[in-house]
Amino acid sequence: VGEAVELAAAVTRLAAELAGVEIVLCPHIRRTLWEKFVFLVGLSGTTATARVPIGVIRSHPLSRAFLHDRMAEAVQVTRAEGVDLPADFADDRPRALEELPNAAEVVIPNEILEAVACVLVCQNTPEFN
């Protein structure tokens, strides 16, 4: 297995070099992945829930606070998983979202929303239980 991994790594390095892509090894990949998770939870959770782009979220203090709270919650999950992320990590994440265009959002197709609504109705209706 070790030889196959080394060969795959060599091929990847060569392909990246030929394409002009710089590869940087991350010494703390688990932490880096969780940092991205916190960012994506904030962006996708907030824009999908509100069904508006990030520019609208950023423009109102209450929705901005909602965004921060989603990220803070994701930080708590991250820390519970044993990842060394500062407790206040979510505090400066919204600044990273400032770099996104106002129209950025996560869109949930209506079919998925309708399916979720149907499940909720069925779970809360005695004739379906």
C-alpha atoms as a PDB file:
ATOM      1  CA  VAL A   1       0.000   0.000   0.000  1.00  0.00           C
ATOM      2  CA  GLY A   2       2.835   2.403   0.844  1.00  0.00           C
ATOM      3  CA  GLU A   3       4.344   2.128  -2.650  1.00  0.00           C
ATOM      4  CA  ALA A   4       0.985   2.811  -4.285  1.00  0.00           C
ATOM      5  CA  VAL A   5       0.497   5.918  -2.152  1.00  0.00           C
ATOM      6  CA  GLU A   6       3.988   7.159  -2.987  1.00  0.00           C
ATOM      7  CA  LEU A   7       3.390   6.565  -6.706  1.00  0.00           C
ATOM      8  CA  ALA A   8       0.044   8.391  -6.579  1.00  0.00           C
ATOM      9  CA  ALA A   9       1.693  11.296  -4.740  1.00  0.00           C
ATOM     10  CA  ALA A  10       4.485  11.472  -7.336  1.00  0.00           C
ATOM     11  CA  VAL A  11       1.996  11.467 -10.221  1.00  0.00           C
ATOM     12  CA  THR A  12      -0.071  14.176  -8.507  1.00  0.00           C
ATOM     13  CA  ARG A  13       3.018  16.330  -7.919  1.00  0.00           C
ATOM     14  CA  LEU A  14       4.084  15.936 -11.548  1.00  0.00           C
ATOM     15  CA  ALA A  15       0.608  16.730 -12.905  1.00  0.00           C
ATOM     16  CA  ALA A  16       0.365  19.803 -10.678  1.00  0.00           C
ATOM     17  CA  GLU A  17       3.824  20.977 -11.705  1.00  0.00           C
ATOM     18  CA  LEU A  18       2.985  20.573 -15.400  1.00  0.00           C
ATOM     19  CA  ALA A  19      -0.252  22.518 -14.865  1.00  0.00           C
ATOM     20  CA  GLY A  20       1.536  25.274 -12.966  1.00  0.00           C
ATOM     21  CA  VAL A  21      -0.287  24.497  -9.732  1.00  0.00           C
ATOM     22  CA  GLU A  22       1.598  24.866  -6.478  1.00  0.00           C
ATOM     23  CA  ILE A  23       1.007  22.096  -3.953  1.00  0.00           C
ATOM     24  CA  VAL A  24       1.352  23.035  -0.323  1.00  0.00           C
ATOM     25  CA  LEU A  25       1.279  20.313   2.284  1.00  0.00           C
ATOM     26  CA  CYS A  26      -0.836  21.191   5.271  1.00  0.00           C
ATOM     27  CA  PRO A  27       0.742  20.121   8.560  1.00  0.00           C
ATOM     28  CA  HIS A  28      -2.620  20.254  10.384  1.00  0.00           C
ATOM     29  CA  ILE A  29      -5.078  18.937   7.804  1.00  0.00           C
ATOM     30  CA  ARG A  30      -7.726  17.887  10.315  1.00  0.00           C
ATOM     31  CA  ARG A  31      -7.853  21.393  11.803  1.00  0.00           C
ATOM     32  CA  THR A  32      -7.867  22.978   8.333  1.00  0.00           C
ATOM     33  CA  LEU A  33     -10.806  20.824   7.238  1.00  0.00           C
ATOM     34  CA  TRP A  34     -12.769  21.770  10.350  1.00  0.00           C
ATOM     35  CA  GLU A  35     -11.985  25.465   9.779  1.00  0.00           C
ATOM     36  CA  LYS A  36     -13.515  25.119   6.313  1.00  0.00           C
ATOM     37  CA  PHE A  37     -16.470  23.291   7.862  1.00  0.00           C
ATOM     38  CA  VAL A  38     -17.140  26.231  10.198  1.00  0.00           C
ATOM     39  CA  PHE A  39     -17.066  28.626   7.237  1.00  0.00           C
ATOM     40  CA  LEU A  40     -19.375  26.466   5.106  1.00  0.00           C
ATOM     41  CA  VAL A  41     -21.836  25.883   7.950  1.00  0.00           C
ATOM     42  CA  GLY A  42     -22.147  29.624   8.386  1.00  0.00           C
ATOM     43  CA  LEU A  43     -22.544  30.362   4.696  1.00  0.00           C
ATOM     44  CA  SER A  44     -24.754  27.464   3.658  1.00  0.00           C
ATOM     45  CA  GLY A  45     -26.784  27.213   6.851  1.00  0.00           C
ATOM     46  CA  THR A  46     -27.628  30.881   6.907  1.00  0.00           C
ATOM     47  CA  THR A  47     -28.282  31.522   3.226  1.00  0.00           C
ATOM     48  CA  ALA A  48     -30.258  28.292   2.772  1.00  0.00           C
ATOM     49  CA  THR A  49     -32.366  28.898   5.885  1.00  0.00           C
ATOM     50  CA  ALA A  50     -33.136  32.510   5.007  1.00  0.00           C
ATOM     51  CA  ARG A  51     -33.288  31.730   1.278  1.00  0.00           C
ATOM     52  CA  VAL A  52     -31.400  34.919   0.482  1.00  0.00           C
ATOM     53  CA  PRO A  53     -27.843  35.641  -0.698  1.00  0.00           C
ATOM     54  CA  ILE A  54     -25.030  36.451   1.719  1.00  0.00           C
ATOM     55  CA  GLY A  55     -25.198  40.160   0.854  1.00  0.00           C
ATOM     56  CA  VAL A  56     -28.660  40.355   2.422  1.00  0.00           C
ATOM     57  CA  ILE A  57     -27.466  38.441   5.488  1.00  0.00           C
ATOM     58  CA  ARG A  58     -24.510  40.796   5.941  1.00  0.00           C
ATOM     59  CA  SER A  59     -26.669  43.891   5.604  1.00  0.00           C
ATOM     60  CA  HIS A  60     -28.845  43.327   8.684  1.00  0.00           C
ATOM     61  CA  PRO A  61     -27.593  43.083  12.286  1.00  0.00           C
ATOM     62  CA  LEU A  62     -29.978  40.264  13.276  1.00  0.00           C
ATOM     63  CA  SER A  63     -29.179  38.037  10.319  1.00  0.00           C
ATOM     64  CA  ARG A  64     -25.486  38.808  10.787  1.00  0.00           C
ATOM     65  CA  ALA A  65     -25.811  37.665  14.432  1.00  0.00           C
ATOM     66  CA  PHE A  66     -27.590  34.505  13.217  1.00  0.00           C
ATOM     67  CA  LEU A  67     -24.648  33.846  10.889  1.00  0.00           C
ATOM     68  CA  HIS A  68     -22.175  34.273  13.736  1.00  0.00           C
ATOM     69  CA  ASP A  69     -24.193  31.990  16.014  1.00  0.00           C
ATOM     70  CA  ARG A  70     -24.224  29.203  13.386  1.00  0.00           C
ATOM     71  CA  MET A  71     -20.446  29.454  13.089  1.00  0.00           C
ATOM     72  CA  ALA A  72     -20.007  29.523  16.876  1.00  0.00           C
ATOM     73  CA  GLU A  73     -22.131  26.390  17.111  1.00  0.00           C
ATOM     74  CA  ALA A  74     -19.950  24.680  14.498  1.00  0.00           C
ATOM     75  CA  VAL A  75     -16.873  25.680  16.517  1.00  0.00           C
ATOM     76  CA  GLN A  76     -18.369  23.976  19.571  1.00  0.00           C
ATOM     77  CA  VAL A  77     -18.882  20.792  17.542  1.00  0.00           C
ATOM     78  CA  THR A  78     -15.321  21.038  16.261  1.00  0.00           C
ATOM     79  CA  ARG A  79     -13.910  21.398  19.759  1.00  0.00           C
ATOM     80  CA  ALA A  80     -16.084  18.516  20.981  1.00  0.00           C
ATOM     81  CA  GLU A  81     -14.456  16.397  18.264  1.00  0.00           C
ATOM     82  CA  GLY A  82     -11.090  17.154  19.843  1.00  0.00           C
ATOM     83  CA  VAL A  83      -9.858  19.631  17.255  1.00  0.00           C
ATOM     84  CA  ASP A  84      -7.766  22.439  18.700  1.00  0.00           C
ATOM     85  CA  LEU A  85      -9.768  25.415  17.471  1.00  0.00           C
ATOM     86  CA  PRO A  86      -9.932  28.540  19.654  1.00  0.00           C
ATOM     87  CA  ALA A  87     -13.317  29.023  21.337  1.00  0.00           C
ATOM     88  CA  ASP A  88     -13.586  32.473  19.718  1.00  0.00           C
ATOM     89  CA  PHE A  89     -12.713  31.219  16.221  1.00  0.00           C
ATOM     90  CA  ALA A  90     -16.170  32.189  14.907  1.00  0.00           C
ATOM     91  CA  ASP A  91     -15.708  35.811  15.928  1.00  0.00           C
ATOM     92  CA  ASP A  92     -13.639  36.805  12.900  1.00  0.00           C
ATOM     93  CA  ARG A  93     -15.113  34.345  10.361  1.00  0.00           C
ATOM     94  CA  PRO A  94     -17.768  36.784   9.082  1.00  0.00           C
ATOM     95  CA  ARG A  95     -14.892  38.969   7.875  1.00  0.00           C
ATOM     96  CA  ALA A  96     -13.859  36.141   5.559  1.00  0.00           C
ATOM     97  CA  LEU A  97     -17.406  36.134   4.187  1.00  0.00           C
ATOM     98  CA  GLU A  98     -16.982  39.817   3.298  1.00  0.00           C
ATOM     99  CA  GLU A  99     -14.815  38.678   0.388  1.00  0.00           C
ATOM    100  CA  LEU A 100     -17.725  36.831  -1.203  1.00  0.00           C
ATOM    101  CA  PRO A 101     -19.888  38.585  -3.785  1.00  0.00           C
ATOM    102  CA  ASN A 102     -23.229  39.831  -2.432  1.00  0.00           C
ATOM    103  CA  ALA A 103     -25.087  37.329  -4.630  1.00  0.00           C
ATOM    104  CA  ALA A 104     -23.342  34.253  -3.155  1.00  0.00           C
ATOM    105  CA  GLU A 105     -25.776  31.775  -1.659  1.00  0.00           C
ATOM    106  CA  VAL A 106     -26.546  28.109  -1.261  1.00  0.00           C
ATOM    107  CA  VAL A 107     -29.688  27.120  -3.093  1.00  0.00           C
ATOM    108  CA  ILE A 108     -31.777  24.198  -1.926  1.00  0.00           C
ATOM    109  CA  PRO A 109     -33.944  22.872  -4.742  1.00  0.00           C
ATOM    110  CA  ASN A 110     -37.697  23.198  -4.125  1.00  0.00           C
ATOM    111  CA  GLU A 111     -38.098  19.426  -4.467  1.00  0.00           C
ATOM    112  CA  ILE A 112     -35.923  18.911  -1.389  1.00  0.00           C
ATOM    113  CA  LEU A 113     -37.807  21.570   0.593  1.00  0.00           C
ATOM    114  CA  GLU A 114     -41.128  19.988  -0.386  1.00  0.00           C
ATOM    115  CA  ALA A 115     -39.910  16.526   0.629  1.00  0.00           C
ATOM    116  CA  VAL A 116     -38.762  17.832   4.018  1.00  0.00           C
ATOM    117  CA  ALA A 117     -42.107  19.582   4.526  1.00  0.00           C
ATOM    118  CA  CYS A 118     -43.940  16.358   3.645  1.00  0.00           C
ATOM    119  CA  VAL A 119     -41.896  14.359   6.159  1.00  0.00           C
ATOM    120  CA  LEU A 120     -42.564  16.944   8.874  1.00  0.00           C
ATOM    121  CA  VAL A 121     -46.309  16.872   8.171  1.00  0.00           C
ATOM    122  CA  CYS A 122     -46.358  13.062   8.216  1.00  0.00           C
ATOM    123  CA  GLN A 123     -44.405  12.917  11.474  1.00  0.00           C
ATOM    124  CA  ASN A 124     -46.824  15.320  13.135  1.00  0.00           C
ATOM    125  CA  THR A 125     -50.088  13.901  11.830  1.00  0.00           C
ATOM    126  CA  PRO A 126     -51.663  11.069  13.879  1.00  0.00           C
ATOM    127  CA  GLU A 127     -53.101   9.246  10.832  1.00  0.00           C
ATOM    128  CA  PHE A 128     -49.583   8.814   9.392  1.00  0.00           C
ATOM    129  CA  ASN A 129     -48.024   7.454  12.612  1.00  0.00           C
END
